Amino acid sequence: MRTTLTIDDDVLERLHKEASRARVSFKTVVNRALRLGLDRLRPSRSRQPFRQRTFRLGYPPSTSLDKALQLAAVLEDEEVARKLELRK
């Protein structure tokens, strides 16, 4: 099908360079570029929704998770005590 388009000069130059580089016709490059662009406009429906895997942290139950600094201090103290115990 024939149609008339107004293509910006910079886009036209890129299309001509791509046609020359790929050694294909200008028409082929324009159709390829349009297909790629249209495919990106519409999200793929076959894509699975993102799911984040979760892991148990093994935190001490006596520590409130709302107080992250307190939890970090408890874990650090336990690690220091473990290292000191190894040196004996």
PDB file of N, CA and C in Angstrom:
ATOM      1  N   MET A   1       0.841  -1.172   0.000  1.00  0.00           N
ATOM      2  CA  MET A   1       0.000   0.000   0.000  1.00  0.00           C
ATOM      3  C   MET A   1       0.889   1.238   0.000  1.00  0.00           C
ATOM      4  N   ARG A   2       0.498   2.217  -0.716  1.00  0.00           N
ATOM      5  CA  ARG A   2       1.256   3.461  -0.776  1.00  0.00           C
ATOM      6  C   ARG A   2       0.609   4.487   0.148  1.00  0.00           C
ATOM      7  N   THR A   3       1.480   5.256   0.813  1.00  0.00           N
ATOM      8  CA  THR A   3       0.998   6.351   1.653  1.00  0.00           C
ATOM      9  C   THR A   3       2.093   7.405   1.702  1.00  0.00           C
ATOM     10  N   THR A   4       1.745   8.599   2.117  1.00  0.00           N
ATOM     11  CA  THR A   4       2.720   9.676   2.203  1.00  0.00           C
ATOM     12  C   THR A   4       2.997   9.968   3.665  1.00  0.00           C
ATOM     13  N   LEU A   5       4.278  10.022   4.017  1.00  0.00           N
ATOM     14  CA  LEU A   5       4.707  10.320   5.378  1.00  0.00           C
ATOM     15  C   LEU A   5       5.646  11.508   5.362  1.00  0.00           C
ATOM     16  N   THR A   6       5.636  12.259   6.433  1.00  0.00           N
ATOM     17  CA  THR A   6       6.627  13.298   6.628  1.00  0.00           C
ATOM     18  C   THR A   6       7.592  12.781   7.687  1.00  0.00           C
ATOM     19  N   ILE A   7       8.840  12.557   7.274  1.00  0.00           N
ATOM     20  CA  ILE A   7       9.853  11.994   8.168  1.00  0.00           C
ATOM     21  C   ILE A   7      10.863  13.081   8.496  1.00  0.00           C
ATOM     22  N   ASP A   8      11.168  13.231   9.769  1.00  0.00           N
ATOM     23  CA  ASP A   8      12.165  14.221  10.178  1.00  0.00           C
ATOM     24  C   ASP A   8      13.503  13.904   9.523  1.00  0.00           C
ATOM     25  N   ASP A   9      14.275  14.963   9.273  1.00  0.00           N
ATOM     26  CA  ASP A   9      15.548  14.814   8.560  1.00  0.00           C
ATOM     27  C   ASP A   9      16.519  13.868   9.266  1.00  0.00           C
ATOM     28  N   ASP A  10      16.602  13.972  10.605  1.00  0.00           N
ATOM     29  CA  ASP A  10      17.543  13.112  11.323  1.00  0.00           C
ATOM     30  C   ASP A  10      17.130  11.644  11.249  1.00  0.00           C
ATOM     31  N   VAL A  11      15.813  11.383  11.275  1.00  0.00           N
ATOM     32  CA  VAL A  11      15.318  10.010  11.173  1.00  0.00           C
ATOM     33  C   VAL A  11      15.545   9.478   9.760  1.00  0.00           C
ATOM     34  N   LEU A  12      15.316  10.311   8.785  1.00  0.00           N
ATOM     35  CA  LEU A  12      15.529   9.923   7.395  1.00  0.00           C
ATOM     36  C   LEU A  12      16.981   9.540   7.152  1.00  0.00           C
ATOM     37  N   GLU A  13      17.888  10.326   7.706  1.00  0.00           N
ATOM     38  CA  GLU A  13      19.317  10.035   7.558  1.00  0.00           C
ATOM     39  C   GLU A  13      19.664   8.689   8.210  1.00  0.00           C
ATOM     40  N   ARG A  14      19.124   8.441   9.384  1.00  0.00           N
ATOM     41  CA  ARG A  14      19.394   7.166  10.068  1.00  0.00           C
ATOM     42  C   ARG A  14      18.828   5.988   9.274  1.00  0.00           C
ATOM     43  N   LEU A  15      17.642   6.161   8.700  1.00  0.00           N
ATOM     44  CA  LEU A  15      17.048   5.093   7.898  1.00  0.00           C
ATOM     45  C   LEU A  15      17.897   4.793   6.665  1.00  0.00           C
ATOM     46  N   HIS A  16      18.356   5.836   5.986  1.00  0.00           N
ATOM     47  CA  HIS A  16      19.209   5.635   4.804  1.00  0.00           C
ATOM     48  C   HIS A  16      20.523   4.950   5.181  1.00  0.00           C
ATOM     49  N   LYS A  17      21.119   5.359   6.301  1.00  0.00           N
ATOM     50  CA  LYS A  17      22.370   4.726   6.740  1.00  0.00           C
ATOM     51  C   LYS A  17      22.152   3.248   7.055  1.00  0.00           C
ATOM     52  N   GLU A  18      21.031   2.932   7.710  1.00  0.00           N
ATOM     53  CA  GLU A  18      20.740   1.541   8.046  1.00  0.00           C
ATOM     54  C   GLU A  18      20.492   0.715   6.786  1.00  0.00           C
ATOM     55  N   ALA A  19      19.795   1.276   5.829  1.00  0.00           N
ATOM     56  CA  ALA A  19      19.552   0.569   4.564  1.00  0.00           C
ATOM     57  C   ALA A  19      20.874   0.282   3.854  1.00  0.00           C
ATOM     58  N   SER A  20      21.758   1.250   3.880  1.00  0.00           N
ATOM     59  CA  SER A  20      23.071   1.069   3.250  1.00  0.00           C
ATOM     60  C   SER A  20      23.901   0.032   4.008  1.00  0.00           C
ATOM     61  N   ARG A  21      23.893   0.122   5.324  1.00  0.00           N
ATOM     62  CA  ARG A  21      24.681  -0.805   6.131  1.00  0.00           C
ATOM     63  C   ARG A  21      24.186  -2.244   5.965  1.00  0.00           C
ATOM     64  N   ALA A  22      22.864  -2.428   6.001  1.00  0.00           N
ATOM     65  CA  ALA A  22      22.275  -3.761   5.916  1.00  0.00           C
ATOM     66  C   ALA A  22      22.150  -4.257   4.473  1.00  0.00           C
ATOM     67  N   ARG A  23      22.398  -3.362   3.526  1.00  0.00           N
ATOM     68  CA  ARG A  23      22.291  -3.691   2.093  1.00  0.00           C
ATOM     69  C   ARG A  23      20.897  -4.197   1.735  1.00  0.00           C
ATOM     70  N   VAL A  24      19.912  -3.462   2.224  1.00  0.00           N
ATOM     71  CA  VAL A  24      18.514  -3.751   1.897  1.00  0.00           C
ATOM     72  C   VAL A  24      17.870  -2.463   1.413  1.00  0.00           C
ATOM     73  N   SER A  25      16.651  -2.576   0.907  1.00  0.00           N
ATOM     74  CA  SER A  25      15.981  -1.388   0.384  1.00  0.00           C
ATOM     75  C   SER A  25      15.520  -0.468   1.524  1.00  0.00           C
ATOM     76  N   PHE A  26      15.335   0.788   1.159  1.00  0.00           N
ATOM     77  CA  PHE A  26      14.844   1.782   2.113  1.00  0.00           C
ATOM     78  C   PHE A  26      13.480   1.352   2.651  1.00  0.00           C
ATOM     79  N   LYS A  27      12.627   0.838   1.756  1.00  0.00           N
ATOM     80  CA  LYS A  27      11.292   0.378   2.131  1.00  0.00           C
ATOM     81  C   LYS A  27      11.371  -0.718   3.201  1.00  0.00           C
ATOM     82  N   THR A  28      12.309  -1.648   3.041  1.00  0.00           N
ATOM     83  CA  THR A  28      12.470  -2.743   4.004  1.00  0.00           C
ATOM     84  C   THR A  28      12.859  -2.209   5.373  1.00  0.00           C
ATOM     85  N   VAL A  29      13.781  -1.262   5.395  1.00  0.00           N
ATOM     86  CA  VAL A  29      14.229  -0.688   6.669  1.00  0.00           C
ATOM     87  C   VAL A  29      13.092   0.070   7.349  1.00  0.00           C
ATOM     88  N   VAL A  30      12.339   0.840   6.594  1.00  0.00           N
ATOM     89  CA  VAL A  30      11.220   1.594   7.172  1.00  0.00           C
ATOM     90  C   VAL A  30      10.187   0.639   7.750  1.00  0.00           C
ATOM     91  N   ASN A  31       9.835  -0.415   7.023  1.00  0.00           N
ATOM     92  CA  ASN A  31       8.858  -1.380   7.520  1.00  0.00           C
ATOM     93  C   ASN A  31       9.363  -2.099   8.764  1.00  0.00           C
ATOM     94  N   ARG A  32      10.643  -2.478   8.781  1.00  0.00           N
ATOM     95  CA  ARG A  32      11.240  -3.124   9.961  1.00  0.00           C
ATOM     96  C   ARG A  32      11.166  -2.199  11.176  1.00  0.00           C
ATOM     97  N   ALA A  33      11.563  -0.944  10.972  1.00  0.00           N
ATOM     98  CA  ALA A  33      11.572   0.025  12.072  1.00  0.00           C
ATOM     99  C   ALA A  33      10.160   0.267  12.602  1.00  0.00           C
ATOM    100  N   LEU A  34       9.195   0.363  11.718  1.00  0.00           N
ATOM    101  CA  LEU A  34       7.810   0.568  12.146  1.00  0.00           C
ATOM    102  C   LEU A  34       7.293  -0.636  12.924  1.00  0.00           C
ATOM    103  N   ARG A  35       7.596  -1.846  12.448  1.00  0.00           N
ATOM    104  CA  ARG A  35       7.154  -3.047  13.170  1.00  0.00           C
ATOM    105  C   ARG A  35       7.763  -3.102  14.571  1.00  0.00           C
ATOM    106  N   LEU A  36       9.078  -2.845  14.648  1.00  0.00           N
ATOM    107  CA  LEU A  36       9.739  -2.868  15.954  1.00  0.00           C
ATOM    108  C   LEU A  36       9.141  -1.819  16.889  1.00  0.00           C
ATOM    109  N   GLY A  37       8.911  -0.633  16.374  1.00  0.00           N
ATOM    110  CA  GLY A  37       8.342   0.439  17.184  1.00  0.00           C
ATOM    111  C   GLY A  37       6.934   0.118  17.647  1.00  0.00           C
ATOM    112  N   LEU A  38       6.121  -0.435  16.761  1.00  0.00           N
ATOM    113  CA  LEU A  38       4.753  -0.776  17.136  1.00  0.00           C
ATOM    114  C   LEU A  38       4.717  -1.910  18.154  1.00  0.00           C
ATOM    115  N   ASP A  39       5.617  -2.867  18.024  1.00  0.00           N
ATOM    116  CA  ASP A  39       5.678  -3.966  18.999  1.00  0.00           C
ATOM    117  C   ASP A  39       6.030  -3.452  20.386  1.00  0.00           C
ATOM    118  N   ARG A  40       6.861  -2.434  20.461  1.00  0.00           N
ATOM    119  CA  ARG A  40       7.265  -1.888  21.762  1.00  0.00           C
ATOM    120  C   ARG A  40       6.186  -1.003  22.376  1.00  0.00           C
ATOM    121  N   LEU A  41       5.274  -0.483  21.573  1.00  0.00           N
ATOM    122  CA  LEU A  41       4.205   0.362  22.103  1.00  0.00           C
ATOM    123  C   LEU A  41       3.201  -0.453  22.910  1.00  0.00           C
ATOM    124  N   ARG A  42       3.013  -1.708  22.537  1.00  0.00           N
ATOM    125  CA  ARG A  42       2.026  -2.561  23.173  1.00  0.00           C
ATOM    126  C   ARG A  42       2.753  -3.610  24.010  1.00  0.00           C
ATOM    127  N   PRO A  43       2.529  -3.633  25.325  1.00  0.00           N
ATOM    128  CA  PRO A  43       3.226  -4.618  26.150  1.00  0.00           C
ATOM    129  C   PRO A  43       2.789  -6.036  25.794  1.00  0.00           C
ATOM    130  N   SER A  44       3.721  -6.945  25.861  1.00  0.00           N
ATOM    131  CA  SER A  44       3.455  -8.343  25.566  1.00  0.00           C
ATOM    132  C   SER A  44       2.557  -8.945  26.645  1.00  0.00           C
ATOM    133  N   ARG A  45       1.555  -9.675  26.234  1.00  0.00           N
ATOM    134  CA  ARG A  45       0.639 -10.288  27.197  1.00  0.00           C
ATOM    135  C   ARG A  45       1.158 -11.624  27.693  1.00  0.00           C
ATOM    136  N   SER A  46       2.145 -12.169  27.001  1.00  0.00           N
ATOM    137  CA  SER A  46       2.645 -13.478  27.392  1.00  0.00           C
ATOM    138  C   SER A  46       3.646 -13.392  28.543  1.00  0.00           C
ATOM    139  N   ARG A  47       4.035 -12.193  28.905  1.00  0.00           N
ATOM    140  CA  ARG A  47       5.010 -12.011  29.976  1.00  0.00           C
ATOM    141  C   ARG A  47       4.387 -12.370  31.325  1.00  0.00           C
ATOM    142  N   GLN A  48       5.109 -13.161  32.086  1.00  0.00           N
ATOM    143  CA  GLN A  48       4.647 -13.545  33.415  1.00  0.00           C
ATOM    144  C   GLN A  48       4.797 -12.367  34.378  1.00  0.00           C
ATOM    145  N   PRO A  49       3.879 -12.212  35.330  1.00  0.00           N
ATOM    146  CA  PRO A  49       4.026 -11.124  36.306  1.00  0.00           C
ATOM    147  C   PRO A  49       5.268 -11.349  37.168  1.00  0.00           C
ATOM    148  N   PHE A  50       5.884 -10.265  37.566  1.00  0.00           N
ATOM    149  CA  PHE A  50       7.085 -10.337  38.385  1.00  0.00           C
ATOM    150  C   PHE A  50       6.731 -10.863  39.767  1.00  0.00           C
ATOM    151  N   ARG A  51       7.496 -11.819  40.229  1.00  0.00           N
ATOM    152  CA  ARG A  51       7.310 -12.370  41.576  1.00  0.00           C
ATOM    153  C   ARG A  51       8.645 -12.301  42.296  1.00  0.00           C
ATOM    154  N   GLN A  52       8.637 -11.699  43.468  1.00  0.00           N
ATOM    155  CA  GLN A  52       9.847 -11.588  44.283  1.00  0.00           C
ATOM    156  C   GLN A  52       9.942 -12.775  45.216  1.00  0.00           C
ATOM    157  N   ARG A  53      11.060 -13.484  45.157  1.00  0.00           N
ATOM    158  CA  ARG A  53      11.273 -14.586  46.076  1.00  0.00           C
ATOM    159  C   ARG A  53      11.646 -14.022  47.435  1.00  0.00           C
ATOM    160  N   THR A  54      11.134 -14.626  48.474  1.00  0.00           N
ATOM    161  CA  THR A  54      11.440 -14.174  49.830  1.00  0.00           C
ATOM    162  C   THR A  54      12.205 -15.262  50.572  1.00  0.00           C
ATOM    163  N   PHE A  55      12.973 -14.839  51.545  1.00  0.00           N
ATOM    164  CA  PHE A  55      13.789 -15.752  52.323  1.00  0.00           C
ATOM    165  C   PHE A  55      13.639 -15.422  53.796  1.00  0.00           C
ATOM    166  N   ARG A  56      13.746 -16.441  54.628  1.00  0.00           N
ATOM    167  CA  ARG A  56      13.717 -16.221  56.071  1.00  0.00           C
ATOM    168  C   ARG A  56      15.050 -15.597  56.475  1.00  0.00           C
ATOM    169  N   LEU A  57      14.996 -14.587  57.309  1.00  0.00           N
ATOM    170  CA  LEU A  57      16.199 -13.898  57.746  1.00  0.00           C
ATOM    171  C   LEU A  57      16.833 -14.540  58.966  1.00  0.00           C
ATOM    172  N   GLY A  58      16.079 -15.342  59.684  1.00  0.00           N
ATOM    173  CA  GLY A  58      16.626 -15.962  60.878  1.00  0.00           C
ATOM    174  C   GLY A  58      16.869 -14.965  61.993  1.00  0.00           C
ATOM    175  N   TYR A  59      16.091 -13.913  62.055  1.00  0.00           N
ATOM    176  CA  TYR A  59      16.265 -12.886  63.078  1.00  0.00           C
ATOM    177  C   TYR A  59      15.851 -13.415  64.444  1.00  0.00           C
ATOM    178  N   PRO A  60      16.429 -12.885  65.502  1.00  0.00           N
ATOM    179  CA  PRO A  60      16.014 -13.300  66.845  1.00  0.00           C
ATOM    180  C   PRO A  60      14.581 -12.849  67.111  1.00  0.00           C
ATOM    181  N   PRO A  61      13.708 -13.734  67.576  1.00  0.00           N
ATOM    182  CA  PRO A  61      12.311 -13.361  67.803  1.00  0.00           C
ATOM    183  C   PRO A  61      12.137 -12.280  68.860  1.00  0.00           C
ATOM    184  N   SER A  62      13.154 -12.075  69.719  1.00  0.00           N
ATOM    185  CA  SER A  62      13.024 -11.060  70.764  1.00  0.00           C
ATOM    186  C   SER A  62      13.194  -9.646  70.217  1.00  0.00           C
ATOM    187  N   THR A  63      13.640  -9.498  68.994  1.00  0.00           N
ATOM    188  CA  THR A  63      13.899  -8.184  68.402  1.00  0.00           C
ATOM    189  C   THR A  63      12.734  -7.773  67.511  1.00  0.00           C
ATOM    190  N   SER A  64      12.288  -6.542  67.668  1.00  0.00           N
ATOM    191  CA  SER A  64      11.213  -6.014  66.843  1.00  0.00           C
ATOM    192  C   SER A  64      11.762  -5.669  65.458  1.00  0.00           C
ATOM    193  N   LEU A  65      11.078  -6.101  64.421  1.00  0.00           N
ATOM    194  CA  LEU A  65      11.511  -5.790  63.058  1.00  0.00           C
ATOM    195  C   LEU A  65      11.322  -4.315  62.726  1.00  0.00           C
ATOM    196  N   ASP A  66      10.528  -3.613  63.505  1.00  0.00           N
ATOM    197  CA  ASP A  66      10.325  -2.188  63.276  1.00  0.00           C
ATOM    198  C   ASP A  66      11.564  -1.384  63.645  1.00  0.00           C
ATOM    199  N   LYS A  67      12.455  -1.984  64.386  1.00  0.00           N
ATOM    200  CA  LYS A  67      13.659  -1.283  64.838  1.00  0.00           C
ATOM    201  C   LYS A  67      14.869  -1.934  64.182  1.00  0.00           C
ATOM    202  N   ALA A  68      15.131  -1.545  62.944  1.00  0.00           N
ATOM    203  CA  ALA A  68      16.190  -2.177  62.150  1.00  0.00           C
ATOM    204  C   ALA A  68      17.563  -1.976  62.774  1.00  0.00           C
ATOM    205  N   LEU A  69      17.830  -0.816  63.349  1.00  0.00           N
ATOM    206  CA  LEU A  69      19.146  -0.579  63.954  1.00  0.00           C
ATOM    207  C   LEU A  69      19.359  -1.469  65.170  1.00  0.00           C
ATOM    208  N   GLN A  70      18.300  -1.689  65.936  1.00  0.00           N
ATOM    209  CA  GLN A  70      18.406  -2.581  67.085  1.00  0.00           C
ATOM    210  C   GLN A  70      18.698  -4.007  66.611  1.00  0.00           C
ATOM    211  N   LEU A  71      18.035  -4.434  65.548  1.00  0.00           N
ATOM    212  CA  LEU A  71      18.272  -5.759  65.001  1.00  0.00           C
ATOM    213  C   LEU A  71      19.714  -5.880  64.510  1.00  0.00           C
ATOM    214  N   ALA A  72      20.208  -4.867  63.798  1.00  0.00           N
ATOM    215  CA  ALA A  72      21.584  -4.891  63.300  1.00  0.00           C
ATOM    216  C   ALA A  72      22.567  -4.974  64.461  1.00  0.00           C
ATOM    217  N   ALA A  73      22.312  -4.261  65.544  1.00  0.00           N
ATOM    218  CA  ALA A  73      23.202  -4.289  66.704  1.00  0.00           C
ATOM    219  C   ALA A  73      23.219  -5.671  67.344  1.00  0.00           C
ATOM    220  N   VAL A  74      22.048  -6.292  67.473  1.00  0.00           N
ATOM    221  CA  VAL A  74      21.968  -7.629  68.066  1.00  0.00           C
ATOM    222  C   VAL A  74      22.740  -8.626  67.206  1.00  0.00           C
ATOM    223  N   LEU A  75      22.540  -8.575  65.887  1.00  0.00           N
ATOM    224  CA  LEU A  75      23.230  -9.503  64.988  1.00  0.00           C
ATOM    225  C   LEU A  75      24.740  -9.276  65.013  1.00  0.00           C
ATOM    226  N   GLU A  76      25.157  -8.009  65.062  1.00  0.00           N
ATOM    227  CA  GLU A  76      26.583  -7.704  65.114  1.00  0.00           C
ATOM    228  C   GLU A  76      27.197  -8.211  66.419  1.00  0.00           C
ATOM    229  N   ASP A  77      26.505  -8.009  67.532  1.00  0.00           N
ATOM    230  CA  ASP A  77      26.997  -8.498  68.823  1.00  0.00           C
ATOM    231  C   ASP A  77      27.147 -10.014  68.813  1.00  0.00           C
ATOM    232  N   GLU A  78      26.173 -10.700  68.217  1.00  0.00           N
ATOM    233  CA  GLU A  78      26.258 -12.160  68.138  1.00  0.00           C
ATOM    234  C   GLU A  78      27.456 -12.597  67.300  1.00  0.00           C
ATOM    235  N   GLU A  79      27.720 -11.901  66.207  1.00  0.00           N
ATOM    236  CA  GLU A  79      28.852 -12.250  65.347  1.00  0.00           C
ATOM    237  C   GLU A  79      30.182 -11.997  66.046  1.00  0.00           C
ATOM    238  N   VAL A  80      30.287 -10.884  66.759  1.00  0.00           N
ATOM    239  CA  VAL A  80      31.511 -10.585  67.509  1.00  0.00           C
ATOM    240  C   VAL A  80      31.738 -11.647  68.579  1.00  0.00           C
ATOM    241  N   ALA A  81      30.683 -12.030  69.283  1.00  0.00           N
ATOM    242  CA  ALA A  81      30.803 -13.062  70.320  1.00  0.00           C
ATOM    243  C   ALA A  81      31.228 -14.390  69.702  1.00  0.00           C
ATOM    244  N   ARG A  82      30.700 -14.718  68.526  1.00  0.00           N
ATOM    245  CA  ARG A  82      31.067 -15.964  67.856  1.00  0.00           C
ATOM    246  C   ARG A  82      32.543 -15.955  67.471  1.00  0.00           C
ATOM    247  N   LYS A  83      33.028 -14.838  66.940  1.00  0.00           N
ATOM    248  CA  LYS A  83      34.442 -14.736  66.547  1.00  0.00           C
ATOM    249  C   LYS A  83      35.360 -14.809  67.758  1.00  0.00           C
ATOM    250  N   LEU A  84      34.958 -14.167  68.859  1.00  0.00           N
ATOM    251  CA  LEU A  84      35.756 -14.227  70.073  1.00  0.00           C
ATOM    252  C   LEU A  84      35.815 -15.650  70.628  1.00  0.00           C
ATOM    253  N   GLU A  85      34.702 -16.360  70.504  1.00  0.00           N
ATOM    254  CA  GLU A  85      34.646 -17.746  70.972  1.00  0.00           C
ATOM    255  C   GLU A  85      35.580 -18.643  70.146  1.00  0.00           C
ATOM    256  N   LEU A  86      35.721 -18.361  68.869  1.00  0.00           N
ATOM    257  CA  LEU A  86      36.599 -19.150  68.000  1.00  0.00           C
ATOM    258  C   LEU A  86      38.073 -18.956  68.352  1.00  0.00           C
ATOM    259  N   ARG A  87      38.440 -17.813  68.908  1.00  0.00           N
ATOM    260  CA  ARG A  87      39.838 -17.500  69.213  1.00  0.00           C
ATOM    261  C   ARG A  87      40.320 -18.235  70.458  1.00  0.00           C
ATOM    262  N   LYS A  88      39.428 -18.716  71.275  1.00  0.00           N
ATOM    263  CA  LYS A  88      39.833 -19.370  72.542  1.00  0.00           C
ATOM    264  C   LYS A  88      40.539 -20.668  72.285  1.00  0.00           C
TER     265      LYS A  88
END
